[in-house]
């Protein structure tokens, strides 16, 4: 009702309980990086399916019911590709979202699958009509067109406890963030245009689920499928599970 940006960037950001869902997932990054620094990965500390720390599971932990519900959903279904949609910019960000140097607000912090994430982000950004338009204006002061409208999340601004990082480190899921409009609160009359801007990019992004290796890991004698088989790729320090 207050108009597009007149309400400020924080309007609608927090839940009724005052929790920012965008920072509410368990920080698994710090545990992984500490283990890497101590040469514990992967023989003593996993490089994937990192367990949720005990403190996060306590009843009095500051975890929104929405966050707990999403984590439960992610644990029940073996998603491999995801995107979460934000507003206020025109850019696609990819993990890691949290800087490895804890005191830095911005720092390039790529994952072990950086090439895949850059591809996924590029697929969306190059097919999004608003991002790809030669006439597009800057939303604010960041010129993301110089980078093809994609950026490593931590190199833009650090987000501890993001869903992207949690998905990558706790599940098999590769997830990006799409900032799909300069306007956080487009008017109803503008929604058809926003849909047209994103329709093809959403479809193309979903099609990327077919990229890469797929198949079934079977027992050589019984031909039965093997659950939770760990798949390792040479040169990529991040395994996945069947």
Protein backbone atom coordinates (compact mmCIF):
# COMPACT_ATOMS: atom_id res chain seq x y z
CA UNK A 1 0.00 0.00 0.00
CA UNK A 2 2.93 2.33 0.61
CA UNK A 3 4.24 1.89 -2.90
CA UNK A 4 7.22 0.12 -4.35
CA UNK A 5 10.27 1.15 -2.33
CA UNK A 6 8.69 3.67 0.02
CA UNK A 7 8.33 1.07 2.74
CA UNK A 8 12.08 0.46 2.99
CA UNK A 9 14.19 -2.62 2.33
CA UNK A 10 13.34 -4.30 5.65
CA UNK A 11 9.56 -4.29 5.29
CA UNK A 12 8.24 -7.83 5.26
CA UNK A 13 11.65 -9.31 6.04
CA UNK A 14 10.92 -10.73 9.50
CA UNK A 15 8.32 -13.18 10.71
CA UNK A 16 5.72 -12.40 13.37
CA UNK A 17 8.22 -13.74 15.91
CA UNK A 18 10.88 -11.31 14.68
CA UNK A 19 13.07 -13.89 12.92
CA UNK A 20 14.78 -13.25 9.59
CA UNK A 21 14.21 -16.53 7.73
CA UNK A 22 17.00 -15.68 5.30
CA UNK A 23 19.58 -16.08 8.12
CA UNK A 24 17.84 -18.76 10.17
CA UNK A 25 19.30 -22.05 8.94
CA UNK A 26 22.07 -23.83 10.82
CA UNK A 27 25.58 -22.53 10.13
CA UNK A 28 27.34 -25.62 8.79
CA UNK A 29 30.00 -23.60 6.97
CA UNK A 30 32.05 -22.79 10.06
CA UNK A 31 32.23 -26.43 11.16
CA UNK A 32 33.34 -27.54 7.70
CA UNK A 33 35.97 -24.84 7.34
CA UNK A 34 37.37 -25.46 10.83
CA UNK A 35 37.65 -29.16 9.99
CA UNK A 36 39.35 -28.35 6.69
CA UNK A 37 41.85 -26.08 8.45
CA UNK A 38 42.69 -28.98 10.77
CA UNK A 39 43.03 -31.52 7.91
CA UNK A 40 40.07 -33.56 9.15
CA UNK A 41 38.13 -33.66 5.86
CA UNK A 42 36.94 -36.14 4.71
CA UNK A 43 38.46 -38.94 6.84
CA UNK A 44 37.24 -37.57 10.21
CA UNK A 45 34.72 -34.90 9.18
CA UNK A 46 32.40 -35.24 6.16
CA UNK A 47 32.53 -32.93 3.16
CA UNK A 48 28.78 -33.39 2.58
CA UNK A 49 25.66 -34.33 4.58
CA UNK A 50 27.12 -32.33 7.44
CA UNK A 51 25.01 -32.99 10.55
CA UNK A 52 23.01 -30.23 12.20
CA UNK A 53 24.73 -29.09 15.42
CA UNK A 54 23.06 -30.09 18.66
CA UNK A 55 22.48 -26.53 19.87
CA UNK A 56 20.29 -25.87 16.83
CA UNK A 57 17.89 -28.67 17.80
CA UNK A 58 17.15 -27.41 21.32
CA UNK A 59 13.56 -26.32 21.98
CA UNK A 60 14.74 -22.86 23.06
CA UNK A 61 16.92 -22.31 19.97
CA UNK A 62 15.95 -19.26 17.91
CA UNK A 63 14.65 -21.28 15.01
CA UNK A 64 11.40 -20.31 13.32
CA UNK A 65 8.73 -23.00 12.89
CA UNK A 66 8.84 -22.20 9.17
CA UNK A 67 12.56 -23.02 9.10
CA UNK A 68 12.10 -26.27 11.00
CA UNK A 69 9.30 -27.25 8.60
CA UNK A 70 11.46 -26.57 5.53
CA UNK A 71 14.38 -28.56 6.99
CA UNK A 72 12.06 -31.49 7.70
CA UNK A 73 10.76 -31.26 4.12
CA UNK A 74 14.30 -31.22 2.70
CA UNK A 75 15.26 -34.25 4.78
CA UNK A 76 12.23 -36.25 3.62
CA UNK A 77 12.65 -35.60 -0.11
CA UNK A 78 15.96 -36.03 -1.96
CA UNK A 79 15.91 -32.74 -3.85
CA UNK A 80 18.91 -32.07 -6.09
CA UNK A 81 18.04 -28.66 -7.57
CA UNK A 82 16.37 -25.62 -6.06
CA UNK A 83 16.05 -21.86 -6.25
CA UNK A 84 14.69 -19.34 -3.78
CA UNK A 85 13.16 -16.13 -5.01
CA UNK A 86 13.91 -12.69 -3.57
CA UNK A 87 13.15 -9.14 -4.61
CA UNK A 88 14.92 -5.80 -4.62
CA UNK A 89 17.66 -6.49 -7.18
CA UNK A 90 18.25 -8.07 -10.58
CA UNK A 91 20.96 -10.67 -10.04
CA UNK A 92 21.40 -14.40 -9.44
CA UNK A 93 23.63 -15.40 -6.53
CA UNK A 94 25.19 -18.77 -5.84
CA UNK A 95 26.92 -20.34 -2.80
CA UNK A 96 28.67 -19.89 -0.64
CA UNK A 97 26.62 -17.06 0.83
CA UNK A 98 28.79 -16.78 3.95
CA UNK A 99 32.34 -15.41 3.84
CA UNK A 100 35.04 -17.81 4.96
CA UNK A 101 36.89 -15.01 6.75
CA UNK A 102 34.35 -14.42 9.52
CA UNK A 103 35.06 -10.71 9.97
CA UNK A 104 34.75 -9.82 6.27
CA UNK A 105 31.48 -8.44 4.94
CA UNK A 106 32.42 -9.38 1.36
CA UNK A 107 34.75 -12.09 0.12
CA UNK A 108 34.77 -14.45 -2.85
CA UNK A 109 33.93 -17.81 -1.24
CA UNK A 110 33.35 -20.49 -3.89
CA UNK A 111 32.16 -24.03 -3.24
CA UNK A 112 33.88 -27.15 -4.49
CA UNK A 113 31.23 -27.19 -7.26
CA UNK A 114 31.78 -23.58 -8.32
CA UNK A 115 31.66 -24.36 -12.04
CA UNK A 116 28.25 -26.00 -11.74
CA UNK A 117 26.86 -23.17 -9.64
CA UNK A 118 28.14 -20.53 -12.05
CA UNK A 119 26.49 -22.42 -14.90
CA UNK A 120 23.17 -22.69 -13.07
CA UNK A 121 23.20 -18.97 -12.24
CA UNK A 122 24.13 -18.07 -15.82
CA UNK A 123 21.31 -20.18 -17.27
CA UNK A 124 18.79 -18.19 -15.26
CA UNK A 125 20.37 -14.77 -15.74
CA UNK A 126 20.83 -15.01 -19.51
CA UNK A 127 17.24 -16.14 -20.12
CA UNK A 128 15.61 -13.64 -17.76
CA UNK A 129 14.12 -10.88 -19.89
CA UNK A 130 14.74 -8.12 -17.37
CA UNK A 131 18.35 -9.09 -16.67
CA UNK A 132 19.22 -9.73 -20.31
CA UNK A 133 17.66 -6.51 -21.63
CA UNK A 134 20.12 -4.09 -23.19
CA UNK A 135 17.97 -1.29 -21.83
CA UNK A 136 17.98 -2.46 -18.22
CA UNK A 137 18.74 0.14 -15.61
CA UNK A 138 20.60 -0.36 -12.37
CA UNK A 139 18.28 -1.18 -9.49
CA UNK A 140 20.40 0.69 -6.96
CA UNK A 141 24.16 1.24 -7.05
CA UNK A 142 25.57 -2.23 -7.84
CA UNK A 143 26.30 -2.83 -11.52
CA UNK A 144 25.84 -6.58 -11.85
CA UNK A 145 25.76 -6.39 -15.65
CA UNK A 146 29.58 -6.33 -15.54
CA UNK A 147 29.50 -9.89 -14.19
CA UNK A 148 26.73 -11.24 -16.41
CA UNK A 149 24.14 -10.57 -13.68
CA UNK A 150 25.52 -13.35 -11.47
CA UNK A 151 27.67 -13.15 -8.36
CA UNK A 152 28.99 -15.37 -5.61
CA UNK A 153 26.70 -14.61 -2.67
CA UNK A 154 29.50 -13.99 -0.17
CA UNK A 155 31.22 -11.67 -2.63
CA UNK A 156 28.11 -9.46 -2.58
CA UNK A 157 27.35 -9.55 1.15
CA UNK A 158 27.80 -12.27 3.73
CA UNK A 159 24.70 -14.20 4.84
CA UNK A 160 25.38 -16.65 7.68
CA UNK A 161 22.74 -19.35 8.00
CA UNK A 162 21.40 -19.10 4.45
CA UNK A 163 19.19 -21.75 2.89
CA UNK A 164 21.56 -22.05 -0.09
CA UNK A 165 24.56 -23.00 2.04
CA UNK A 166 22.47 -25.29 4.24
CA UNK A 167 21.03 -27.11 1.21
CA UNK A 168 24.48 -27.68 -0.25
CA UNK A 169 26.14 -28.85 2.96
CA UNK A 170 23.31 -30.84 4.58
CA UNK A 171 21.61 -32.40 1.53
CA UNK A 172 22.32 -33.28 -2.10
CA UNK A 173 20.56 -30.12 -3.24
CA UNK A 174 22.24 -27.37 -5.27
CA UNK A 175 20.40 -24.11 -4.69
CA UNK A 176 20.72 -20.54 -5.95
CA UNK A 177 19.05 -17.26 -5.07
CA UNK A 178 17.23 -15.26 -7.73
CA UNK A 179 16.76 -11.55 -7.09
CA UNK A 180 14.05 -11.25 -9.70
CA UNK A 181 12.96 -7.61 -9.63
CA UNK A 182 14.23 -4.18 -8.65
CA UNK A 183 10.88 -3.69 -6.96
CA UNK A 184 10.25 -5.65 -3.78
CA UNK A 185 6.52 -4.89 -3.92
CA UNK A 186 5.34 -4.64 -7.53
CA UNK A 187 1.76 -3.55 -8.02
CA UNK A 188 -0.78 -6.17 -9.07
CA UNK A 189 -0.92 -4.64 -12.54
CA UNK A 190 2.82 -5.30 -12.95
CA UNK A 191 2.71 -8.99 -12.04
CA UNK A 192 1.98 -10.28 -15.59
CA UNK A 193 5.12 -8.52 -16.83
CA UNK A 194 7.15 -9.96 -13.95
CA UNK A 195 5.86 -13.42 -14.86
CA UNK A 196 6.89 -12.97 -18.50
CA UNK A 197 10.34 -11.83 -17.37
CA UNK A 198 10.85 -15.03 -15.37
CA UNK A 199 8.78 -17.71 -17.10
CA UNK A 200 11.39 -18.98 -19.56
CA UNK A 201 14.24 -18.71 -17.06
CA UNK A 202 12.30 -20.76 -14.51
CA UNK A 203 11.64 -23.47 -17.10
CA UNK A 204 15.22 -23.53 -18.37
CA UNK A 205 16.52 -23.66 -14.83
CA UNK A 206 14.35 -26.66 -13.98
CA UNK A 207 15.63 -28.43 -17.08
CA UNK A 208 19.16 -28.31 -15.66
CA UNK A 209 18.14 -31.12 -13.31
CA UNK A 210 18.99 -33.44 -16.23
CA UNK A 211 22.63 -32.33 -16.41
CA UNK A 212 25.40 -34.47 -15.02
CA UNK A 213 25.68 -38.16 -14.17
CA UNK A 214 22.58 -40.11 -13.25
CA UNK A 215 21.83 -43.76 -12.64
CA UNK A 216 21.38 -46.42 -9.98
CA UNK A 217 24.08 -47.91 -7.77
CA UNK A 218 23.43 -51.66 -7.53
CA UNK A 219 24.86 -54.60 -5.66
CA UNK A 220 26.96 -56.60 -8.13
CA UNK A 221 25.55 -59.93 -6.96
CA UNK A 222 21.92 -59.23 -6.18
CA UNK A 223 21.30 -56.26 -8.52
CA UNK A 224 19.48 -54.56 -5.64
CA UNK A 225 19.85 -50.81 -5.33
CA UNK A 226 22.27 -49.58 -2.66
CA UNK A 227 20.90 -46.82 -0.47
CA UNK A 228 23.14 -44.00 0.72
CA UNK A 229 26.06 -44.96 -1.51
CA UNK A 230 28.60 -42.12 -1.50
CA UNK A 231 29.61 -40.84 -4.93
CA UNK A 232 32.98 -39.07 -5.15
CA UNK A 233 34.29 -37.16 -8.16
CA UNK A 234 38.03 -36.69 -8.55
CA UNK A 235 39.07 -33.11 -7.85
CA UNK A 236 35.76 -32.09 -6.22
CA UNK A 237 35.85 -32.13 -2.43
CA UNK A 238 32.09 -32.50 -2.07
CA UNK A 239 30.47 -35.90 -2.35
CA UNK A 240 26.82 -36.78 -2.95
CA UNK A 241 24.74 -39.76 -1.85
CA UNK A 242 22.31 -42.01 -3.66
